[in-house]
PDB file of all heavy atoms in Angstrom:
ATOM      1  N   ASP A   1     -20.476   9.713  50.033  1.00  0.00           N
ATOM      2  CA  ASP A   1     -20.197  11.138  50.166  1.00  0.00           C
ATOM      3  C   ASP A   1     -19.298  11.678  49.041  1.00  0.00           C
ATOM      4  O   ASP A   1     -18.749  12.757  49.151  1.00  0.00           O
ATOM      5  CB  ASP A   1     -19.539  11.426  51.513  1.00  0.00           C
ATOM      6  CG  ASP A   1     -18.198  10.702  51.668  1.00  0.00           C
ATOM      7  OD1 ASP A   1     -17.895   9.847  50.822  1.00  0.00           O
ATOM      8  OD2 ASP A   1     -17.486  11.002  52.629  1.00  0.00           O
ATOM      9  N   SER A   2     -19.123  10.893  47.992  1.00  0.00           N
ATOM     10  CA  SER A   2     -18.290  11.350  46.886  1.00  0.00           C
ATOM     11  C   SER A   2     -19.150  11.650  45.664  1.00  0.00           C
ATOM     12  O   SER A   2     -20.252  11.141  45.512  1.00  0.00           O
ATOM     13  CB  SER A   2     -17.226  10.298  46.545  1.00  0.00           C
ATOM     14  OG  SER A   2     -17.838   9.119  46.083  1.00  0.00           O
ATOM     15  N   LEU A   3     -18.617  12.500  44.794  1.00  0.00           N
ATOM     16  CA  LEU A   3     -19.271  12.794  43.534  1.00  0.00           C
ATOM     17  C   LEU A   3     -18.193  12.805  42.468  1.00  0.00           C
ATOM     18  O   LEU A   3     -17.286  13.623  42.498  1.00  0.00           O
ATOM     19  CB  LEU A   3     -19.976  14.159  43.580  1.00  0.00           C
ATOM     20  CG  LEU A   3     -20.642  14.591  42.268  1.00  0.00           C
ATOM     21  CD1 LEU A   3     -21.742  13.623  41.875  1.00  0.00           C
ATOM     22  CD2 LEU A   3     -21.215  15.987  42.401  1.00  0.00           C
ATOM     23  N   TRP A   4     -18.322  11.892  41.528  1.00  0.00           N
ATOM     24  CA  TRP A   4     -17.309  11.714  40.501  1.00  0.00           C
ATOM     25  C   TRP A   4     -17.715  12.464  39.240  1.00  0.00           C
ATOM     26  O   TRP A   4     -18.841  12.381  38.781  1.00  0.00           O
ATOM     27  CB  TRP A   4     -17.112  10.239  40.205  1.00  0.00           C
ATOM     28  CG  TRP A   4     -16.709   9.467  41.417  1.00  0.00           C
ATOM     29  CD1 TRP A   4     -17.515   8.775  42.266  1.00  0.00           C
ATOM     30  CD2 TRP A   4     -15.388   9.337  41.935  1.00  0.00           C
ATOM     31  NE1 TRP A   4     -16.799   8.225  43.277  1.00  0.00           N
ATOM     32  CE2 TRP A   4     -15.479   8.548  43.104  1.00  0.00           C
ATOM     33  CE3 TRP A   4     -14.142   9.805  41.533  1.00  0.00           C
ATOM     34  CZ2 TRP A   4     -14.364   8.217  43.864  1.00  0.00           C
ATOM     35  CZ3 TRP A   4     -13.028   9.460  42.298  1.00  0.00           C
ATOM     36  CH2 TRP A   4     -13.140   8.679  43.438  1.00  0.00           C
ATOM     37  N   VAL A   5     -16.772  13.193  38.678  1.00  0.00           N
ATOM     38  CA  VAL A   5     -17.012  13.960  37.457  1.00  0.00           C
ATOM     39  C   VAL A   5     -16.472  13.176  36.273  1.00  0.00           C
ATOM     40  O   VAL A   5     -15.315  12.753  36.269  1.00  0.00           O
ATOM     41  CB  VAL A   5     -16.319  15.335  37.536  1.00  0.00           C
ATOM     42  CG1 VAL A   5     -16.497  16.108  36.238  1.00  0.00           C
ATOM     43  CG2 VAL A   5     -16.873  16.133  38.715  1.00  0.00           C
ATOM     44  N   VAL A   6     -17.306  12.975  35.267  1.00  0.00           N
ATOM     45  CA  VAL A   6     -16.900  12.259  34.055  1.00  0.00           C
ATOM     46  C   VAL A   6     -16.406  13.276  33.034  1.00  0.00           C
ATOM     47  O   VAL A   6     -17.105  14.236  32.712  1.00  0.00           O
ATOM     48  CB  VAL A   6     -18.078  11.455  33.468  1.00  0.00           C
ATOM     49  CG1 VAL A   6     -17.628  10.702  32.214  1.00  0.00           C
ATOM     50  CG2 VAL A   6     -18.631  10.471  34.499  1.00  0.00           C
ATOM     51  N   ASN A   7     -15.194  13.057  32.522  1.00  0.00           N
ATOM     52  CA  ASN A   7     -14.619  13.981  31.550  1.00  0.00           C
ATOM     53  C   ASN A   7     -14.534  13.417  30.135  1.00  0.00           C
ATOM     54  O   ASN A   7     -14.643  14.162  29.165  1.00  0.00           O
ATOM     55  CB  ASN A   7     -13.227  14.431  31.994  1.00  0.00           C
ATOM     56  CG  ASN A   7     -13.286  15.393  33.169  1.00  0.00           C
ATOM     57  OD1 ASN A   7     -14.191  16.217  33.259  1.00  0.00           O
ATOM     58  ND2 ASN A   7     -12.340  15.279  34.087  1.00  0.00           N
ATOM     59  N   THR A   8     -14.332  12.111  30.010  1.00  0.00           N
ATOM     60  CA  THR A   8     -14.310  11.497  28.678  1.00  0.00           C
ATOM     61  C   THR A   8     -15.018  10.149  28.717  1.00  0.00           C
ATOM     62  O   THR A   8     -15.037   9.481  29.758  1.00  0.00           O
ATOM     63  CB  THR A   8     -12.874  11.285  28.149  1.00  0.00           C
ATOM     64  OG1 THR A   8     -12.209  10.310  28.962  1.00  0.00           O
ATOM     65  CG2 THR A   8     -12.088  12.572  28.128  1.00  0.00           C
ATOM     66  N   ILE A   9     -15.610   9.795  27.601  1.00  0.00           N
ATOM     67  CA  ILE A   9     -16.242   8.490  27.437  1.00  0.00           C
ATOM     68  C   ILE A   9     -15.763   7.900  26.123  1.00  0.00           C
ATOM     69  O   ILE A   9     -15.921   8.506  25.058  1.00  0.00           O
ATOM     70  CB  ILE A   9     -17.785   8.577  27.410  1.00  0.00           C
ATOM     71  CG1 ILE A   9     -18.312   9.331  28.626  1.00  0.00           C
ATOM     72  CG2 ILE A   9     -18.402   7.190  27.352  1.00  0.00           C
ATOM     73  CD1 ILE A   9     -18.762  10.735  28.314  1.00  0.00           C
ATOM     74  N   LYS A  10     -15.132   6.740  26.178  1.00  0.00           N
ATOM     75  CA  LYS A  10     -14.704   6.025  24.985  1.00  0.00           C
ATOM     76  C   LYS A  10     -15.672   4.865  24.773  1.00  0.00           C
ATOM     77  O   LYS A  10     -15.818   4.009  25.653  1.00  0.00           O
ATOM     78  CB  LYS A  10     -13.280   5.501  25.145  1.00  0.00           C
ATOM     79  CG  LYS A  10     -12.760   4.723  23.944  1.00  0.00           C
ATOM     80  CD  LYS A  10     -11.346   4.200  24.210  1.00  0.00           C
ATOM     81  CE  LYS A  10     -10.829   3.374  23.043  1.00  0.00           C
ATOM     82  NZ  LYS A  10      -9.488   2.790  23.343  1.00  0.00           N
ATOM     83  N   ILE A  11     -16.354   4.849  23.637  1.00  0.00           N
ATOM     84  CA  ILE A  11     -17.364   3.830  23.362  1.00  0.00           C
ATOM     85  C   ILE A  11     -16.828   2.904  22.279  1.00  0.00           C
ATOM     86  O   ILE A  11     -16.794   3.244  21.086  1.00  0.00           O
ATOM     87  CB  ILE A  11     -18.685   4.473  22.917  1.00  0.00           C
ATOM     88  CG1 ILE A  11     -19.133   5.509  23.951  1.00  0.00           C
ATOM     89  CG2 ILE A  11     -19.771   3.414  22.724  1.00  0.00           C
ATOM     90  CD1 ILE A  11     -20.290   6.384  23.498  1.00  0.00           C
ATOM     91  N   ASN A  12     -16.351   1.740  22.688  1.00  0.00           N
ATOM     92  CA  ASN A  12     -15.754   0.786  21.759  1.00  0.00           C
ATOM     93  C   ASN A  12     -16.827   0.058  20.958  1.00  0.00           C
ATOM     94  O   ASN A  12     -17.882  -0.302  21.484  1.00  0.00           O
ATOM     95  CB  ASN A  12     -14.917  -0.241  22.520  1.00  0.00           C
ATOM     96  CG  ASN A  12     -13.734   0.384  23.214  1.00  0.00           C
ATOM     97  OD1 ASN A  12     -12.936   1.076  22.592  1.00  0.00           O
ATOM     98  ND2 ASN A  12     -13.617   0.156  24.517  1.00  0.00           N
ATOM     99  N   SER A  13     -16.556  -0.171  19.674  1.00  0.00           N
ATOM    100  CA  SER A  13     -17.489  -0.933  18.856  1.00  0.00           C
ATOM    101  C   SER A  13     -17.490  -2.387  19.307  1.00  0.00           C
ATOM    102  O   SER A  13     -16.442  -2.958  19.615  1.00  0.00           O
ATOM    103  CB  SER A  13     -17.085  -0.861  17.375  1.00  0.00           C
ATOM    104  OG  SER A  13     -17.920  -1.701  16.598  1.00  0.00           O
ATOM    105  N   VAL A  14     -18.667  -2.979  19.376  1.00  0.00           N
ATOM    106  CA  VAL A  14     -18.782  -4.398  19.729  1.00  0.00           C
ATOM    107  C   VAL A  14     -19.207  -5.228  18.524  1.00  0.00           C
ATOM    108  O   VAL A  14     -19.524  -6.409  18.660  1.00  0.00           O
ATOM    109  CB  VAL A  14     -19.781  -4.598  20.895  1.00  0.00           C
ATOM    110  CG1 VAL A  14     -19.259  -3.955  22.159  1.00  0.00           C
ATOM    111  CG2 VAL A  14     -21.158  -4.045  20.547  1.00  0.00           C
ATOM    112  N   GLU A  15     -19.221  -4.609  17.347  1.00  0.00           N
ATOM    113  CA  GLU A  15     -19.587  -5.326  16.133  1.00  0.00           C
ATOM    114  C   GLU A  15     -18.440  -6.208  15.670  1.00  0.00           C
ATOM    115  O   GLU A  15     -17.274  -5.805  15.703  1.00  0.00           O
ATOM    116  CB  GLU A  15     -19.953  -4.344  15.016  1.00  0.00           C
ATOM    117  CG  GLU A  15     -21.181  -3.501  15.289  1.00  0.00           C
ATOM    118  CD  GLU A  15     -21.462  -2.554  14.138  1.00  0.00           C
ATOM    119  OE1 GLU A  15     -21.366  -2.980  12.967  1.00  0.00           O
ATOM    120  OE2 GLU A  15     -21.757  -1.375  14.412  1.00  0.00           O
ATOM    121  N   ALA A  16     -18.778  -7.405  15.199  1.00  0.00           N
ATOM    122  CA  ALA A  16     -17.767  -8.315  14.669  1.00  0.00           C
ATOM    123  C   ALA A  16     -17.081  -7.674  13.462  1.00  0.00           C
ATOM    124  O   ALA A  16     -17.738  -7.096  12.593  1.00  0.00           O
ATOM    125  CB  ALA A  16     -18.414  -9.639  14.261  1.00  0.00           C
ATOM    126  N   GLY A  17     -15.762  -7.746  13.437  1.00  0.00           N
ATOM    127  CA  GLY A  17     -15.011  -7.179  12.333  1.00  0.00           C
ATOM    128  C   GLY A  17     -14.689  -5.705  12.490  1.00  0.00           C
ATOM    129  O   GLY A  17     -14.046  -5.122  11.617  1.00  0.00           O
ATOM    130  N   ARG A  18     -15.145  -5.088  13.596  1.00  0.00           N
ATOM    131  CA  ARG A  18     -14.872  -3.665  13.809  1.00  0.00           C
ATOM    132  C   ARG A  18     -14.066  -3.440  15.100  1.00  0.00           C
ATOM    133  O   ARG A  18     -14.180  -2.415  15.756  1.00  0.00           O
ATOM    134  CB  ARG A  18     -16.181  -2.866  13.864  1.00  0.00           C
ATOM    135  CG  ARG A  18     -16.874  -2.798  12.509  1.00  0.00           C
ATOM    136  CD  ARG A  18     -18.143  -1.963  12.578  1.00  0.00           C
ATOM    137  NE  ARG A  18     -17.903  -0.592  12.992  1.00  0.00           N
ATOM    138  CZ  ARG A  18     -17.522   0.382  12.169  1.00  0.00           C
ATOM    139  NH1 ARG A  18     -17.291   0.123  10.892  1.00  0.00           N
ATOM    140  NH2 ARG A  18     -17.362   1.627  12.617  1.00  0.00           N
ATOM    141  N   GLU A  19     -13.229  -4.407  15.408  1.00  0.00           N
ATOM    142  CA  GLU A  19     -12.368  -4.275  16.575  1.00  0.00           C
ATOM    143  C   GLU A  19     -11.427  -3.082  16.357  1.00  0.00           C
ATOM    144  O   GLU A  19     -10.858  -2.898  15.287  1.00  0.00           O
ATOM    145  CB  GLU A  19     -11.547  -5.550  16.787  1.00  0.00           C
ATOM    146  CG  GLU A  19     -12.372  -6.767  17.177  1.00  0.00           C
ATOM    147  CD  GLU A  19     -13.089  -7.440  16.010  1.00  0.00           C
ATOM    148  OE1 GLU A  19     -12.821  -7.036  14.846  1.00  0.00           O
ATOM    149  OE2 GLU A  19     -13.899  -8.339  16.250  1.00  0.00           O
ATOM    150  N   GLY A  20     -11.283  -2.268  17.393  1.00  0.00           N
ATOM    151  CA  GLY A  20     -10.420  -1.100  17.297  1.00  0.00           C
ATOM    152  C   GLY A  20     -11.138   0.161  16.857  1.00  0.00           C
ATOM    153  O   GLY A  20     -10.570   1.250  16.903  1.00  0.00           O
ATOM    154  N   PHE A  21     -12.393   0.047  16.437  1.00  0.00           N
ATOM    155  CA  PHE A  21     -13.206   1.214  16.097  1.00  0.00           C
ATOM    156  C   PHE A  21     -13.871   1.719  17.383  1.00  0.00           C
ATOM    157  O   PHE A  21     -14.356   0.926  18.186  1.00  0.00           O
ATOM    158  CB  PHE A  21     -14.300   0.857  15.084  1.00  0.00           C
ATOM    159  CG  PHE A  21     -13.795   0.641  13.690  1.00  0.00           C
ATOM    160  CD1 PHE A  21     -13.100  -0.522  13.347  1.00  0.00           C
ATOM    161  CD2 PHE A  21     -14.021   1.586  12.698  1.00  0.00           C
ATOM    162  CE1 PHE A  21     -12.638  -0.722  12.053  1.00  0.00           C
ATOM    163  CE2 PHE A  21     -13.567   1.397  11.403  1.00  0.00           C
ATOM    164  CZ  PHE A  21     -12.869   0.237  11.078  1.00  0.00           C
ATOM    165  N   TYR A  22     -13.900   3.031  17.556  1.00  0.00           N
ATOM    166  CA  TYR A  22     -14.572   3.568  18.735  1.00  0.00           C
ATOM    167  C   TYR A  22     -14.979   5.013  18.510  1.00  0.00           C
ATOM    168  O   TYR A  22     -14.519   5.704  17.608  1.00  0.00           O
ATOM    169  CB  TYR A  22     -13.680   3.456  19.974  1.00  0.00           C
ATOM    170  CG  TYR A  22     -12.419   4.294  19.955  1.00  0.00           C
ATOM    171  CD1 TYR A  22     -12.377   5.572  20.515  1.00  0.00           C
ATOM    172  CD2 TYR A  22     -11.239   3.794  19.390  1.00  0.00           C
ATOM    173  CE1 TYR A  22     -11.220   6.331  20.511  1.00  0.00           C
ATOM    174  CE2 TYR A  22     -10.072   4.542  19.378  1.00  0.00           C
ATOM    175  CZ  TYR A  22     -10.066   5.809  19.939  1.00  0.00           C
ATOM    176  OH  TYR A  22      -8.911   6.553  19.925  1.00  0.00           O
ATOM    177  N   LYS A  23     -15.898   5.469  19.374  1.00  0.00           N
ATOM    178  CA  LYS A  23     -16.307   6.869  19.428  1.00  0.00           C
ATOM    179  C   LYS A  23     -15.836   7.437  20.752  1.00  0.00           C
ATOM    180  O   LYS A  23     -15.926   6.747  21.785  1.00  0.00           O
ATOM    181  CB  LYS A  23     -17.830   6.964  19.315  1.00  0.00           C
ATOM    182  CG  LYS A  23     -18.405   8.345  19.567  1.00  0.00           C
ATOM    183  CD  LYS A  23     -19.910   8.292  19.343  1.00  0.00           C
ATOM    184  CE  LYS A  23     -20.669   9.118  20.331  1.00  0.00           C
ATOM    185  NZ  LYS A  23     -22.122   9.060  20.125  1.00  0.00           N
ATOM    186  N   GLN A  24     -15.332   8.673  20.725  1.00  0.00           N
ATOM    187  CA  GLN A  24     -14.902   9.301  21.967  1.00  0.00           C
ATOM    188  C   GLN A  24     -15.641  10.607  22.182  1.00  0.00           C
ATOM    189  O   GLN A  24     -15.773  11.414  21.266  1.00  0.00           O
ATOM    190  CB  GLN A  24     -13.388   9.556  21.972  1.00  0.00           C
ATOM    191  CG  GLN A  24     -12.918  10.165  23.289  1.00  0.00           C
ATOM    192  CD  GLN A  24     -11.429  10.025  23.508  1.00  0.00           C
ATOM    193  OE1 GLN A  24     -10.871   8.957  23.299  1.00  0.00           O
ATOM    194  NE2 GLN A  24     -10.778  11.083  23.927  1.00  0.00           N
ATOM    195  N   VAL A  25     -16.117  10.788  23.401  1.00  0.00           N
ATOM    196  CA  VAL A  25     -16.816  12.000  23.805  1.00  0.00           C
ATOM    197  C   VAL A  25     -15.955  12.718  24.833  1.00  0.00           C
ATOM    198  O   VAL A  25     -15.570  12.136  25.844  1.00  0.00           O
ATOM    199  CB  VAL A  25     -18.196  11.678  24.415  1.00  0.00           C
ATOM    200  CG1 VAL A  25     -18.909  12.965  24.833  1.00  0.00           C
ATOM    201  CG2 VAL A  25     -19.047  10.885  23.435  1.00  0.00           C
ATOM    202  N   ASP A  26     -15.615  13.982  24.556  1.00  0.00           N
ATOM    203  CA  ASP A  26     -14.841  14.800  25.482  1.00  0.00           C
ATOM    204  C   ASP A  26     -15.720  15.930  26.010  1.00  0.00           C
ATOM    205  O   ASP A  26     -16.346  16.655  25.224  1.00  0.00           O
ATOM    206  CB  ASP A  26     -13.621  15.395  24.775  1.00  0.00           C
ATOM    207  CG  ASP A  26     -12.645  14.323  24.327  1.00  0.00           C
ATOM    208  OD1 ASP A  26     -11.954  13.763  25.186  1.00  0.00           O
ATOM    209  OD2 ASP A  26     -12.587  14.044  23.114  1.00  0.00           O
ATOM    210  N   LEU A  27     -15.755  16.089  27.331  1.00  0.00           N
ATOM    211  CA  LEU A  27     -16.569  17.115  27.970  1.00  0.00           C
ATOM    212  C   LEU A  27     -15.660  18.195  28.543  1.00  0.00           C
ATOM    213  O   LEU A  27     -14.879  17.942  29.465  1.00  0.00           O
ATOM    214  CB  LEU A  27     -17.420  16.503  29.086  1.00  0.00           C
ATOM    215  CG  LEU A  27     -18.317  15.332  28.671  1.00  0.00           C
ATOM    216  CD1 LEU A  27     -19.029  14.762  29.886  1.00  0.00           C
ATOM    217  CD2 LEU A  27     -19.307  15.737  27.602  1.00  0.00           C
ATOM    218  N   LYS A  28     -15.745  19.392  27.975  1.00  0.00           N
ATOM    219  CA  LYS A  28     -14.951  20.522  28.467  1.00  0.00           C
ATOM    220  C   LYS A  28     -15.770  21.278  29.494  1.00  0.00           C
ATOM    221  O   LYS A  28     -16.948  21.564  29.274  1.00  0.00           O
ATOM    222  CB  LYS A  28     -14.588  21.437  27.296  1.00  0.00           C
ATOM    223  CG  LYS A  28     -13.707  22.615  27.663  1.00  0.00           C
ATOM    224  CD  LYS A  28     -13.374  23.436  26.422  1.00  0.00           C
ATOM    225  CE  LYS A  28     -12.507  24.630  26.748  1.00  0.00           C
ATOM    226  NZ  LYS A  28     -12.194  25.428  25.520  1.00  0.00           N
ATOM    227  N   ARG A  29     -15.156  21.624  30.638  1.00  0.00           N
ATOM    228  CA  ARG A  29     -15.877  22.254  31.746  1.00  0.00           C
ATOM    229  C   ARG A  29     -15.225  23.578  32.147  1.00  0.00           C
ATOM    230  O   ARG A  29     -14.027  23.782  31.936  1.00  0.00           O
ATOM    231  CB  ARG A  29     -15.905  21.315  32.960  1.00  0.00           C
ATOM    232  CG  ARG A  29     -16.582  19.978  32.684  1.00  0.00           C
ATOM    233  CD  ARG A  29     -16.478  19.046  33.881  1.00  0.00           C
ATOM    234  NE  ARG A  29     -17.037  17.735  33.562  1.00  0.00           N
ATOM    235  CZ  ARG A  29     -18.305  17.424  33.681  1.00  0.00           C
ATOM    236  NH1 ARG A  29     -19.160  18.332  34.152  1.00  0.00           N
ATOM    237  NH2 ARG A  29     -18.747  16.221  33.363  1.00  0.00           N
ATOM    238  N   ASP A  30     -16.042  24.455  32.742  1.00  0.00           N
ATOM    239  CA  ASP A  30     -15.493  25.699  33.281  1.00  0.00           C
ATOM    240  C   ASP A  30     -15.027  25.471  34.714  1.00  0.00           C
ATOM    241  O   ASP A  30     -15.060  24.342  35.229  1.00  0.00           O
ATOM    242  CB  ASP A  30     -16.506  26.839  33.178  1.00  0.00           C
ATOM    243  CG  ASP A  30     -17.766  26.599  34.010  1.00  0.00           C
ATOM    244  OD1 ASP A  30     -17.751  25.726  34.912  1.00  0.00           O
ATOM    245  OD2 ASP A  30     -18.769  27.296  33.763  1.00  0.00           O
ATOM    246  N   ALA A  31     -14.593  26.538  35.374  1.00  0.00           N
ATOM    247  CA  ALA A  31     -14.053  26.415  36.728  1.00  0.00           C
ATOM    248  C   ALA A  31     -15.074  25.879  37.724  1.00  0.00           C
ATOM    249  O   ALA A  31     -14.716  25.263  38.733  1.00  0.00           O
ATOM    250  CB  ALA A  31     -13.531  27.774  37.197  1.00  0.00           C
ATOM    251  N   ALA A  32     -16.348  26.081  37.436  1.00  0.00           N
ATOM    252  CA  ALA A  32     -17.408  25.600  38.327  1.00  0.00           C
ATOM    253  C   ALA A  32     -17.834  24.168  38.002  1.00  0.00           C
ATOM    254  O   ALA A  32     -18.703  23.612  38.667  1.00  0.00           O
ATOM    255  CB  ALA A  32     -18.619  26.530  38.246  1.00  0.00           C
TER     256      ALA A  32
END
């Protein structure tokens, strides 16, 4: 009975030698 709202997604690099590299997605929402 719950619905979870996702506001940010951090996508960490899994490539060797790229530890600490990541992409971040931020979702801005209105009152609804």
